[in-house]
Amino acid sequence: MAGDLHVHTTASDGLLSPSKIIGEAAGRGLSFIAITDHDTTAAIEEATKAGSVAGVTVIPGIELNTEYKGKEMHILGYFIDIYQKWFQELLVHIKDAREARAHRILDNLKAYYGMDIPWDLVQAIAGSASIGRPHIARAMLRLGLIKDMGEAFNNYISQDSPAYVPRYKMIPEEAIGYIKKLGGVAVVAHPGLLADKSAIFHAIDNGVDGLEVYHTKHDGKDEQYLRAIADNYRLIVTGGSDCHGELVDGDITLGAVKVPDEVMYKLKDLHVKRSKPA
């Protein structure tokens, strides 16, 4: 029994609906997945219902985008209480900020590169999802302005590009605190991709519960380094594909990185302990 603890849907920047993701998970023999969309929990109810039919356990999760020393750092939350009113109000605020940011990025792309990207197209691509840079990149691709998504991120909307606009600012310790307040378990997402590894220890100092040691973009050295940190600080070791539904070598990456069910139980046990009344 194994599952994937890092999965995105059309509720954020994924290409597959929650129900479609569940169908794919069942077809690949996954016993559980965590829905971890960026700054939204909108997919979890649909995924949970589909999972109950398909025999796939759905862990309610989220990936909160934060900033540490001017660079992005993502914090995953597992077994969160998605029905807390204060948290949903925060997510609405973040979504509004994302939309305003996207408008500014489009203005900058036109001003600096002469790229006229209709807002209606970006909205259509995003659907009901919170708009982010991947939706803008897909609009650029559809208009023939770029050859692939990588070109958009490398040349036009990276943090070093003049068209880039900083996101809504949340610091790692805030995200960790929110997740714990929701009864959840906080994990540093793809820490091997962090240019400044001091961010990992900053998160540890602020009470993070685990590290995503296994990830599609981590190599053996990353895994060895991160595993040693996790063991030293007694953190939960997790892993996931970070599937967005895009084809990699002709297939989506769902289940490309799996963890045994004992990892899910470790996360759940901490959630239960954290959720008990004091």
Protein backbone atom coordinates (compact mmCIF):
# COMPACT_ATOMS: atom_id res chain seq x y z
CA MET A 1 0.00 0.00 0.00
CA ALA A 2 1.45 3.33 -1.08
CA GLY A 3 0.40 6.84 -2.00
CA ASP A 4 1.39 10.23 -3.34
CA LEU A 5 1.49 13.13 -0.87
CA HIS A 6 1.84 16.04 -3.31
CA VAL A 7 -0.86 16.45 -5.95
CA HIS A 8 -2.41 19.49 -7.68
CA THR A 9 -5.74 19.87 -9.48
CA THR A 10 -7.58 22.42 -11.58
CA ALA A 11 -8.48 24.18 -8.32
CA SER A 12 -5.01 25.76 -8.50
CA ASP A 13 -2.49 25.23 -11.32
CA GLY A 14 -3.11 21.58 -12.18
CA LEU A 15 -4.56 20.38 -15.47
CA LEU A 16 -6.77 17.57 -14.16
CA SER A 17 -10.00 17.90 -12.21
CA PRO A 18 -10.20 16.41 -8.72
CA SER A 19 -12.33 13.52 -9.99
CA LYS A 20 -9.95 12.85 -12.86
CA ILE A 21 -6.99 12.80 -10.48
CA ILE A 22 -8.77 10.23 -8.32
CA GLY A 23 -9.49 8.09 -11.36
CA GLU A 24 -5.83 8.22 -12.33
CA ALA A 25 -4.75 7.39 -8.78
CA ALA A 26 -7.04 4.35 -8.65
CA GLY A 27 -5.79 3.18 -12.02
CA ARG A 28 -2.22 3.39 -10.81
CA GLY A 29 -2.93 1.39 -7.69
CA LEU A 30 -2.45 4.23 -5.21
CA SER A 31 -4.24 3.68 -1.92
CA PHE A 32 -4.09 7.34 -0.87
CA ILE A 33 -3.21 10.78 -2.18
CA ALA A 34 -2.99 14.23 -0.64
CA ILE A 35 -4.64 17.07 -2.52
CA THR A 36 -2.23 19.97 -1.97
CA ASP A 37 -3.35 22.80 -4.23
CA HIS A 38 -1.69 26.18 -3.93
CA ASP A 39 -3.47 28.40 -1.41
CA THR A 40 -6.87 26.74 -1.86
CA THR A 41 -8.86 23.78 -0.56
CA ALA A 42 -11.57 24.01 -3.23
CA ALA A 43 -10.85 20.55 -4.71
CA ILE A 44 -10.96 18.53 -1.52
CA GLU A 45 -14.69 17.84 -1.22
CA GLU A 46 -14.99 16.63 -4.83
CA ALA A 47 -11.84 14.54 -4.52
CA THR A 48 -13.01 13.01 -1.23
CA LYS A 49 -16.36 11.99 -2.72
CA ALA A 50 -14.68 10.49 -5.79
CA GLY A 51 -12.15 8.76 -3.57
CA SER A 52 -14.82 7.10 -1.47
CA VAL A 53 -16.21 5.50 -4.62
CA ALA A 54 -12.84 4.57 -6.13
CA GLY A 55 -11.28 3.27 -2.93
CA VAL A 56 -8.65 6.00 -2.71
CA THR A 57 -8.20 7.77 0.63
CA VAL A 58 -7.92 11.54 0.21
CA ILE A 59 -5.86 13.51 2.71
CA PRO A 60 -7.09 17.12 2.96
CA GLY A 61 -4.07 19.30 2.35
CA ILE A 62 -2.73 22.54 0.97
CA GLU A 63 0.51 24.06 -0.28
CA LEU A 64 0.99 27.53 1.16
CA ASN A 65 3.32 29.80 -0.76
CA THR A 66 5.65 31.72 1.53
CA GLU A 67 8.76 33.85 1.21
CA TYR A 68 12.08 33.54 3.02
CA LYS A 69 14.83 36.09 2.42
CA GLY A 70 13.17 37.22 -0.80
CA LYS A 71 12.83 33.72 -2.27
CA GLU A 72 9.85 31.39 -2.55
CA MET A 73 9.44 28.63 -0.01
CA HIS A 74 6.42 26.34 0.04
CA ILE A 75 4.91 24.71 3.13
CA LEU A 76 2.64 21.69 2.79
CA GLY A 77 -0.18 21.11 5.25
CA TYR A 78 -1.76 17.69 5.81
CA PHE A 79 -4.99 16.69 7.57
CA ILE A 80 -6.07 20.30 7.91
CA ASP A 81 -9.58 21.33 8.97
CA ILE A 82 -10.75 23.00 5.76
CA TYR A 83 -13.99 24.25 7.32
CA GLN A 84 -12.51 26.85 9.62
CA LYS A 85 -14.11 30.18 8.64
CA TRP A 86 -11.06 32.29 9.48
CA PHE A 87 -8.88 30.17 7.21
CA GLN A 88 -11.25 30.31 4.24
CA GLU A 89 -11.42 34.10 4.65
CA LEU A 90 -7.62 34.19 4.51
CA LEU A 91 -7.63 32.10 1.32
CA VAL A 92 -10.14 34.46 -0.31
CA HIS A 93 -7.84 37.37 0.53
CA ILE A 94 -4.89 35.51 -1.02
CA LYS A 95 -6.93 34.71 -4.14
CA ASP A 96 -7.85 38.37 -4.59
CA ALA A 97 -4.21 39.33 -4.20
CA ARG A 98 -3.23 36.72 -6.80
CA GLU A 99 -5.68 38.18 -9.32
CA ALA A 100 -4.37 41.72 -8.83
CA ARG A 101 -0.82 40.40 -9.22
CA ALA A 102 -1.70 38.59 -12.45
CA HIS A 103 -3.10 41.81 -13.93
CA ARG A 104 0.18 43.58 -13.15
CA ILE A 105 2.26 40.78 -14.68
CA LEU A 106 0.25 41.03 -17.91
CA ASP A 107 0.77 44.80 -17.95
CA ASN A 108 4.51 44.28 -17.50
CA LEU A 109 4.74 41.63 -20.21
CA LYS A 110 3.19 44.09 -22.62
CA ALA A 111 5.34 47.01 -21.48
CA TYR A 112 8.68 45.17 -21.46
CA TYR A 113 8.23 42.53 -24.17
CA GLY A 114 5.35 43.75 -26.31
CA MET A 115 3.29 40.67 -25.41
CA ASP A 116 -0.43 41.43 -25.52
CA ILE A 117 -2.10 38.65 -23.54
CA PRO A 118 -5.88 39.02 -23.11
CA TRP A 119 -7.09 38.80 -19.54
CA ASP A 120 -10.11 36.81 -20.74
CA LEU A 121 -7.79 34.09 -22.07
CA VAL A 122 -5.95 33.78 -18.75
CA GLN A 123 -9.28 33.61 -16.92
CA ALA A 124 -10.57 30.94 -19.28
CA ILE A 125 -7.46 28.82 -18.74
CA ALA A 126 -7.66 29.22 -14.95
CA GLY A 127 -11.39 28.56 -14.77
CA SER A 128 -12.48 28.81 -11.14
CA ALA A 129 -8.91 28.35 -9.90
CA SER A 130 -6.84 30.99 -8.18
CA ILE A 131 -4.83 32.59 -10.99
CA GLY A 132 -1.07 32.10 -10.93
CA ARG A 133 1.94 32.31 -13.20
CA PRO A 134 1.36 28.85 -14.72
CA HIS A 135 -1.95 30.07 -16.15
CA ILE A 136 -0.20 33.07 -17.70
CA ALA A 137 2.48 30.76 -19.12
CA ARG A 138 -0.20 28.52 -20.65
CA ALA A 139 -1.82 31.58 -22.23
CA MET A 140 1.56 32.54 -23.71
CA LEU A 141 1.94 29.03 -25.07
CA ARG A 142 -1.54 29.05 -26.59
CA LEU A 143 -0.79 32.35 -28.32
CA GLY A 144 2.46 31.00 -29.75
CA LEU A 145 4.59 33.47 -27.81
CA ILE A 146 6.74 30.70 -26.33
CA LYS A 147 7.73 27.15 -27.29
CA ASP A 148 7.14 25.58 -23.89
CA MET A 149 6.31 26.41 -20.27
CA GLY A 150 9.97 26.43 -19.31
CA GLU A 151 10.66 29.31 -21.68
CA ALA A 152 8.02 31.41 -19.95
CA PHE A 153 9.45 30.82 -16.49
CA ASN A 154 13.08 31.08 -17.53
CA ASN A 155 12.85 34.15 -19.74
CA TYR A 156 9.74 36.17 -18.98
CA ILE A 157 8.08 35.61 -15.60
CA SER A 158 10.89 34.40 -13.35
CA GLN A 159 11.76 36.33 -10.21
CA ASP A 160 14.66 37.91 -12.10
CA SER A 161 12.45 39.17 -14.94
CA PRO A 162 11.32 42.82 -15.09
CA ALA A 163 7.80 41.53 -15.68
CA TYR A 164 7.76 39.67 -12.36
CA VAL A 165 5.52 40.95 -9.58
CA PRO A 166 6.03 39.73 -5.98
CA ARG A 167 3.26 37.54 -4.61
CA TYR A 168 1.17 38.05 -1.49
CA LYS A 169 3.69 37.87 1.32
CA MET A 170 3.41 35.13 3.92
CA ILE A 171 6.41 34.05 5.92
CA PRO A 172 7.13 30.37 6.69
CA GLU A 173 6.42 30.65 10.40
CA GLU A 174 2.97 32.09 9.64
CA ALA A 175 2.15 29.16 7.34
CA ILE A 176 3.39 26.64 9.89
CA GLY A 177 1.30 28.32 12.58
CA TYR A 178 -1.83 28.36 10.42
CA ILE A 179 -1.48 24.68 9.57
CA LYS A 180 -1.02 23.68 13.19
CA LYS A 181 -3.96 25.85 14.25
CA LEU A 182 -6.03 23.85 11.75
CA GLY A 183 -4.95 20.63 13.47
CA GLY A 184 -2.68 19.85 10.54
CA VAL A 185 0.89 18.71 10.01
CA ALA A 186 3.37 21.13 8.43
CA VAL A 187 6.04 19.90 5.99
CA VAL A 188 8.64 21.79 3.93
CA ALA A 189 7.88 21.18 0.25
CA HIS A 190 10.70 20.12 -2.13
CA PRO A 191 13.47 21.47 0.14
CA GLY A 192 16.12 20.19 -2.23
CA LEU A 193 15.11 22.94 -4.65
CA LEU A 194 15.77 25.71 -2.14
CA ALA A 195 18.84 27.70 -3.16
CA ASP A 196 19.35 28.82 0.43
CA LYS A 197 19.29 25.72 2.59
CA SER A 198 19.21 27.87 5.74
CA ALA A 199 15.49 28.12 4.99
CA ILE A 200 15.13 24.49 6.06
CA PHE A 201 16.61 25.21 9.48
CA HIS A 202 14.53 28.37 9.78
CA ALA A 203 11.42 26.21 9.32
CA ILE A 204 12.71 23.67 11.84
CA ASP A 205 13.32 26.43 14.37
CA ASN A 206 9.72 27.52 13.84
CA GLY A 207 8.20 24.12 14.50
CA VAL A 208 7.82 22.43 11.11
CA ASP A 209 6.90 18.75 11.47
CA GLY A 210 8.49 17.17 8.42
CA LEU A 211 10.51 17.39 5.21
CA GLU A 212 9.48 16.28 1.74
CA VAL A 213 12.63 14.23 1.23
CA TYR A 214 11.41 12.41 -1.88
CA HIS A 215 10.35 14.49 -4.89
CA THR A 216 10.52 14.13 -8.66
CA LYS A 217 13.15 16.90 -8.87
CA HIS A 218 15.35 15.62 -6.04
CA ASP A 219 18.37 13.51 -6.87
CA GLY A 220 20.11 10.94 -4.68
CA LYS A 221 22.34 13.52 -3.04
CA ASP A 222 19.35 15.68 -2.17
CA GLU A 223 17.58 12.70 -0.61
CA GLN A 224 20.61 11.67 1.41
CA TYR A 225 21.18 15.22 2.69
CA LEU A 226 17.53 15.78 3.58
CA ARG A 227 17.09 12.37 5.16
CA ALA A 228 20.02 13.07 7.47
CA ILE A 229 18.45 16.36 8.57
CA ALA A 230 15.07 14.74 9.12
CA ASP A 231 16.58 11.94 11.17
CA ASN A 232 18.69 14.33 13.22
CA TYR A 233 15.73 16.55 14.09
CA ARG A 234 13.22 13.68 14.34
CA LEU A 235 11.06 15.02 11.53
CA ILE A 236 8.53 13.05 9.51
CA VAL A 237 9.94 12.03 6.13
CA THR A 238 7.43 12.46 3.30
CA GLY A 239 7.44 12.34 -0.47
CA GLY A 240 5.29 13.13 -3.47
CA SER A 241 5.30 13.64 -7.20
CA ASP A 242 4.12 17.27 -7.23
CA CYS A 243 1.86 16.17 -10.08
CA HIS A 244 0.25 19.00 -12.05
CA GLY A 245 -1.17 16.77 -14.77
CA GLU A 246 1.36 17.83 -17.39
CA LEU A 247 2.98 15.15 -19.51
CA VAL A 248 6.56 14.20 -18.70
CA ASP A 249 8.01 11.67 -21.13
CA GLY A 250 4.49 10.97 -22.35
CA ASP A 251 2.82 10.44 -18.98
CA ILE A 252 1.66 12.44 -16.00
CA THR A 253 3.86 12.15 -12.92
CA LEU A 254 1.13 11.01 -10.49
CA GLY A 255 2.61 8.26 -8.36
CA ALA A 256 6.10 8.71 -9.78
CA VAL A 257 7.14 9.28 -6.18
CA LYS A 258 5.29 7.16 -3.63
CA VAL A 259 5.53 6.64 0.11
CA PRO A 260 4.25 3.69 2.15
CA ASP A 261 1.02 3.94 4.10
CA GLU A 262 2.97 4.11 7.36
CA VAL A 263 3.88 7.70 6.42
CA MET A 264 0.21 8.55 6.10
CA TYR A 265 -0.43 7.02 9.51
CA LYS A 266 2.38 9.07 11.07
CA LEU A 267 0.82 12.24 9.69
CA LYS A 268 -2.64 11.19 10.85
CA ASP A 269 -1.45 10.25 14.34
CA LEU A 270 0.12 13.69 14.81
CA HIS A 271 -3.04 15.33 13.47
CA VAL A 272 -5.20 13.39 15.94
CA LYS A 273 -2.89 14.27 18.82
CA ARG A 274 -2.86 17.92 17.79
CA SER A 275 -6.64 18.08 17.40
CA LYS A 276 -7.46 16.77 20.87
CA PRO A 277 -8.79 19.40 23.28
CA ALA A 278 -6.15 20.62 25.72
